[in-house]
C-alpha atoms as a PDB file:
ATOM      1  CA  UNK A   1       5.697  -9.875 -22.958  1.00  0.00           C
ATOM      2  CA  UNK A   2       3.457  -7.915 -20.609  1.00  0.00           C
ATOM      3  CA  UNK A   3       3.500  -4.262 -19.636  1.00  0.00           C
ATOM      4  CA  UNK A   4       2.743  -2.997 -16.146  1.00  0.00           C
ATOM      5  CA  UNK A   5       1.388   0.551 -16.143  1.00  0.00           C
ATOM      6  CA  UNK A   6       1.140   1.983 -12.637  1.00  0.00           C
ATOM      7  CA  UNK A   7      -0.171   5.487 -11.979  1.00  0.00           C
ATOM      8  CA  UNK A   8       0.992   6.868  -8.636  1.00  0.00           C
ATOM      9  CA  UNK A   9      -0.687   9.789  -6.870  1.00  0.00           C
ATOM     10  CA  UNK A  10       1.940  11.104  -4.464  1.00  0.00           C
ATOM     11  CA  UNK A  11       0.613  12.479  -1.186  1.00  0.00           C
ATOM     12  CA  UNK A  12       3.980  12.829   0.515  1.00  0.00           C
ATOM     13  CA  UNK A  13       7.241  14.418  -0.532  1.00  0.00           C
ATOM     14  CA  UNK A  14       7.851  14.007  -4.252  1.00  0.00           C
ATOM     15  CA  UNK A  15      11.620  13.980  -3.687  1.00  0.00           C
ATOM     16  CA  UNK A  16      11.209  11.176  -1.128  1.00  0.00           C
ATOM     17  CA  UNK A  17       8.984   9.273  -3.557  1.00  0.00           C
ATOM     18  CA  UNK A  18      11.635   9.533  -6.283  1.00  0.00           C
ATOM     19  CA  UNK A  19      14.341   8.316  -3.870  1.00  0.00           C
ATOM     20  CA  UNK A  20      12.169   5.396  -2.725  1.00  0.00           C
ATOM     21  CA  UNK A  21      11.339   4.507  -6.326  1.00  0.00           C
ATOM     22  CA  UNK A  22      15.025   4.596  -7.279  1.00  0.00           C
ATOM     23  CA  UNK A  23      15.759   2.236  -4.384  1.00  0.00           C
ATOM     24  CA  UNK A  24      12.965  -0.118  -5.483  1.00  0.00           C
ATOM     25  CA  UNK A  25      14.171   0.042  -9.080  1.00  0.00           C
ATOM     26  CA  UNK A  26      17.581  -1.325  -8.129  1.00  0.00           C
ATOM     27  CA  UNK A  27      15.948  -4.413  -6.640  1.00  0.00           C
ATOM     28  CA  UNK A  28      13.342  -4.936  -9.362  1.00  0.00           C
ATOM     29  CA  UNK A  29      15.897  -4.683 -12.189  1.00  0.00           C
ATOM     30  CA  UNK A  30      17.750  -7.673 -10.704  1.00  0.00           C
ATOM     31  CA  UNK A  31      14.683  -9.941 -10.834  1.00  0.00           C
ATOM     32  CA  UNK A  32      14.403 -12.609 -13.536  1.00  0.00           C
ATOM     33  CA  UNK A  33      12.072 -11.645 -16.362  1.00  0.00           C
ATOM     34  CA  UNK A  34      12.466  -7.891 -15.936  1.00  0.00           C
ATOM     35  CA  UNK A  35      13.053  -6.153 -19.275  1.00  0.00           C
ATOM     36  CA  UNK A  36      12.771  -2.394 -18.834  1.00  0.00           C
ATOM     37  CA  UNK A  37      10.962   0.371 -17.008  1.00  0.00           C
ATOM     38  CA  UNK A  38      10.506   4.101 -17.257  1.00  0.00           C
ATOM     39  CA  UNK A  39       9.152   6.444 -14.586  1.00  0.00           C
ATOM     40  CA  UNK A  40       7.280   9.373 -16.117  1.00  0.00           C
ATOM     41  CA  UNK A  41       5.856  12.577 -14.730  1.00  0.00           C
ATOM     42  CA  UNK A  42       3.351  14.943 -16.371  1.00  0.00           C
ATOM     43  CA  UNK A  43       4.776  18.309 -17.342  1.00  0.00           C
ATOM     44  CA  UNK A  44       1.970  20.139 -15.525  1.00  0.00           C
ATOM     45  CA  UNK A  45       3.720  19.624 -12.170  1.00  0.00           C
ATOM     46  CA  UNK A  46       0.929  17.523 -10.673  1.00  0.00           C
ATOM     47  CA  UNK A  47       1.970  15.014  -8.000  1.00  0.00           C
ATOM     48  CA  UNK A  48       1.338  12.130 -10.410  1.00  0.00           C
ATOM     49  CA  UNK A  49       3.957   9.648 -11.629  1.00  0.00           C
ATOM     50  CA  UNK A  50       3.496   6.883 -14.182  1.00  0.00           C
ATOM     51  CA  UNK A  51       5.669   3.782 -14.227  1.00  0.00           C
ATOM     52  CA  UNK A  52       5.705   1.729 -17.425  1.00  0.00           C
ATOM     53  CA  UNK A  53       7.518  -1.587 -16.962  1.00  0.00           C
ATOM     54  CA  UNK A  54       8.028  -4.434 -19.408  1.00  0.00           C
ATOM     55  CA  UNK A  55       8.303  -8.025 -18.194  1.00  0.00           C
ATOM     56  CA  UNK A  56       8.821 -11.293 -20.047  1.00  0.00           C
ATOM     57  CA  UNK A  57       5.558 -12.618 -18.627  1.00  0.00           C
ATOM     58  CA  UNK A  58       3.051 -12.095 -15.835  1.00  0.00           C
ATOM     59  CA  UNK A  59       4.551 -14.849 -13.669  1.00  0.00           C
ATOM     60  CA  UNK A  60       7.932 -13.078 -13.642  1.00  0.00           C
ATOM     61  CA  UNK A  61       6.216  -9.904 -12.452  1.00  0.00           C
ATOM     62  CA  UNK A  62       4.288 -11.760  -9.748  1.00  0.00           C
ATOM     63  CA  UNK A  63       7.442 -13.552  -8.583  1.00  0.00           C
ATOM     64  CA  UNK A  64       9.290 -10.237  -8.381  1.00  0.00           C
ATOM     65  CA  UNK A  65       6.506  -8.572  -6.407  1.00  0.00           C
ATOM     66  CA  UNK A  66       6.517 -11.412  -3.880  1.00  0.00           C
ATOM     67  CA  UNK A  67      10.308 -11.400  -3.437  1.00  0.00           C
ATOM     68  CA  UNK A  68      11.201 -10.276   0.136  1.00  0.00           C
ATOM     69  CA  UNK A  69      13.700  -7.658  -1.060  1.00  0.00           C
ATOM     70  CA  UNK A  70      11.152  -6.084  -3.406  1.00  0.00           C
ATOM     71  CA  UNK A  71       8.411  -6.239  -0.770  1.00  0.00           C
ATOM     72  CA  UNK A  72      10.671  -4.461   1.718  1.00  0.00           C
ATOM     73  CA  UNK A  73      11.455  -1.708  -0.782  1.00  0.00           C
ATOM     74  CA  UNK A  74       7.795  -1.285  -1.765  1.00  0.00           C
ATOM     75  CA  UNK A  75       6.755  -0.317   1.780  1.00  0.00           C
ATOM     76  CA  UNK A  76       8.150   3.253   1.673  1.00  0.00           C
ATOM     77  CA  UNK A  77       6.328   3.892  -1.615  1.00  0.00           C
ATOM     78  CA  UNK A  78       3.020   2.830  -0.074  1.00  0.00           C
ATOM     79  CA  UNK A  79       3.533   5.424   2.663  1.00  0.00           C
ATOM     80  CA  UNK A  80       4.106   8.187   0.099  1.00  0.00           C
ATOM     81  CA  UNK A  81       1.727   7.384  -2.758  1.00  0.00           C
ATOM     82  CA  UNK A  82      -1.290   5.433  -3.912  1.00  0.00           C
ATOM     83  CA  UNK A  83      -0.681   3.289  -6.976  1.00  0.00           C
ATOM     84  CA  UNK A  84      -3.181   2.094  -9.556  1.00  0.00           C
ATOM     85  CA  UNK A  85      -1.519  -0.778 -11.445  1.00  0.00           C
ATOM     86  CA  UNK A  86      -2.798  -2.242 -14.699  1.00  0.00           C
ATOM     87  CA  UNK A  87      -1.269  -5.227 -16.491  1.00  0.00           C
ATOM     88  CA  UNK A  88      -1.438  -4.818 -20.265  1.00  0.00           C
ATOM     89  CA  UNK A  89      -0.347  -6.707 -23.341  1.00  0.00           C
ATOM     90  CA  UNK A  90       1.111  -4.925 -26.360  1.00  0.00           C
ATOM     91  CA  UNK A  91      -1.244  -4.427 -29.262  1.00  0.00           C
ATOM     92  CA  UNK A  92       0.845  -2.219 -31.549  1.00  0.00           C
ATOM     93  CA  UNK A  93       4.406  -0.869 -31.433  1.00  0.00           C
ATOM     94  CA  UNK A  94       5.249   2.177 -33.513  1.00  0.00           C
ATOM     95  CA  UNK A  95       8.876   3.061 -34.200  1.00  0.00           C
ATOM     96  CA  UNK A  96      10.479   5.231 -36.856  1.00  0.00           C
ATOM     97  CA  UNK A  97      11.828   3.444 -39.932  1.00  0.00           C
ATOM     98  CA  UNK A  98      15.049   1.683 -39.015  1.00  0.00           C
ATOM     99  CA  UNK A  99      14.066   0.940 -35.428  1.00  0.00           C
ATOM    100  CA  UNK A 100      13.813   2.617 -32.099  1.00  0.00           C
ATOM    101  CA  UNK A 101      15.744   5.838 -31.464  1.00  0.00           C
END
């Protein structure tokens, strides 16, 4: 498994960014190898968003990012924000006893 962490600095409308991201999410979730993602926002109200996405492997992520549907839905995000993606591998998972809640 790999984890994509992408920090977005939004320079356009934050509401538009969230709509565009929701649209992209629908397409990405349908791609083979996609496991999960979560879009986060700091509580300080800054125009920063953080996407944390889990994929089966790096090739699945690359295939998804090159899919025409995903590419088309990425374009509006590029107009609204600058992303800084980093591909990571898990080192340690910490869950409460009994599993994830």
